Amino acid sequence: MNALSDYFGVPSDAFFQDDATFPGGVEGDGDVLSLCLAVAAVQDPALRLKIRRVVEILAA
């Protein structure tokens, strides 16, 4: 769990709460955490970057 909290820059107890505040003050819930974990599981850094860009475009 420490690796995940380090990767996302959040305290480890954030993974066990119904909602959490992520870096930049972004509030999240289980869906946000699930998305983060799924993207983190992508092994190819270039593909991970493309996924992040798509999500950023959809969020705008």
Protein backbone atom coordinates (compact mmCIF):
# COMPACT_ATOMS: atom_id res chain seq x y z
CA MET A 1 0.00 0.00 0.00
CA ASN A 2 2.92 2.35 0.62
CA ALA A 3 3.92 2.14 -3.03
CA LEU A 4 0.44 3.26 -4.10
CA SER A 5 0.31 6.10 -1.61
CA ASP A 6 3.75 7.25 -2.74
CA TYR A 7 2.76 6.95 -6.41
CA PHE A 8 -0.40 9.03 -5.97
CA GLY A 9 1.04 11.36 -3.33
CA VAL A 10 -1.71 10.64 -0.81
CA PRO A 11 -1.63 9.13 2.68
CA SER A 12 -2.28 5.39 2.77
CA ASP A 13 -5.50 5.83 4.76
CA ALA A 14 -6.98 7.66 1.74
CA PHE A 15 -7.47 4.26 0.11
CA PHE A 16 -9.81 3.17 2.89
CA GLN A 17 -12.11 6.19 3.01
CA ASP A 18 -15.34 6.64 1.08
CA ASP A 19 -13.96 9.86 -0.31
CA ALA A 20 -10.55 11.44 -0.38
CA THR A 21 -8.85 14.67 -1.27
CA PHE A 22 -6.16 14.15 -3.86
CA PRO A 23 -3.27 16.48 -4.69
CA GLY A 24 -4.43 19.85 -5.96
CA GLY A 25 -7.51 19.73 -3.74
CA VAL A 26 -9.39 17.42 -6.10
CA GLU A 27 -12.04 15.50 -4.22
CA GLY A 28 -12.66 11.93 -5.21
CA ASP A 29 -14.59 8.81 -4.43
CA GLY A 30 -14.31 5.12 -5.25
CA ASP A 31 -14.65 5.82 -8.97
CA VAL A 32 -11.70 8.21 -8.92
CA LEU A 33 -9.56 5.74 -7.02
CA SER A 34 -10.56 2.89 -9.36
CA LEU A 35 -9.62 4.98 -12.37
CA CYS A 36 -6.27 5.91 -10.82
CA LEU A 37 -5.47 2.30 -10.00
CA ALA A 38 -6.46 1.12 -13.48
CA VAL A 39 -4.28 3.75 -15.16
CA ALA A 40 -1.40 2.98 -12.79
CA ALA A 41 -1.62 -0.68 -13.83
CA VAL A 42 -0.88 0.19 -17.47
CA GLN A 43 2.74 -0.83 -17.97
CA ASP A 44 3.51 1.25 -21.07
CA PRO A 45 4.36 4.84 -20.05
CA ALA A 46 3.41 6.23 -23.48
CA LEU A 47 -0.01 4.56 -23.34
CA ARG A 48 -0.51 5.76 -19.75
CA LEU A 49 0.18 9.33 -20.93
CA LYS A 50 -2.34 8.98 -23.76
CA ILE A 51 -4.98 7.72 -21.34
CA ARG A 52 -4.29 10.66 -19.04
CA ARG A 53 -4.68 13.10 -21.94
CA VAL A 54 -8.01 11.55 -22.96
CA VAL A 55 -9.31 11.83 -19.40
CA GLU A 56 -8.13 15.45 -19.18
CA ILE A 57 -9.93 16.28 -22.45
CA LEU A 58 -13.13 14.60 -21.26
CA ALA A 59 -12.96 16.45 -17.94
CA ALA A 60 -12.67 19.86 -19.56
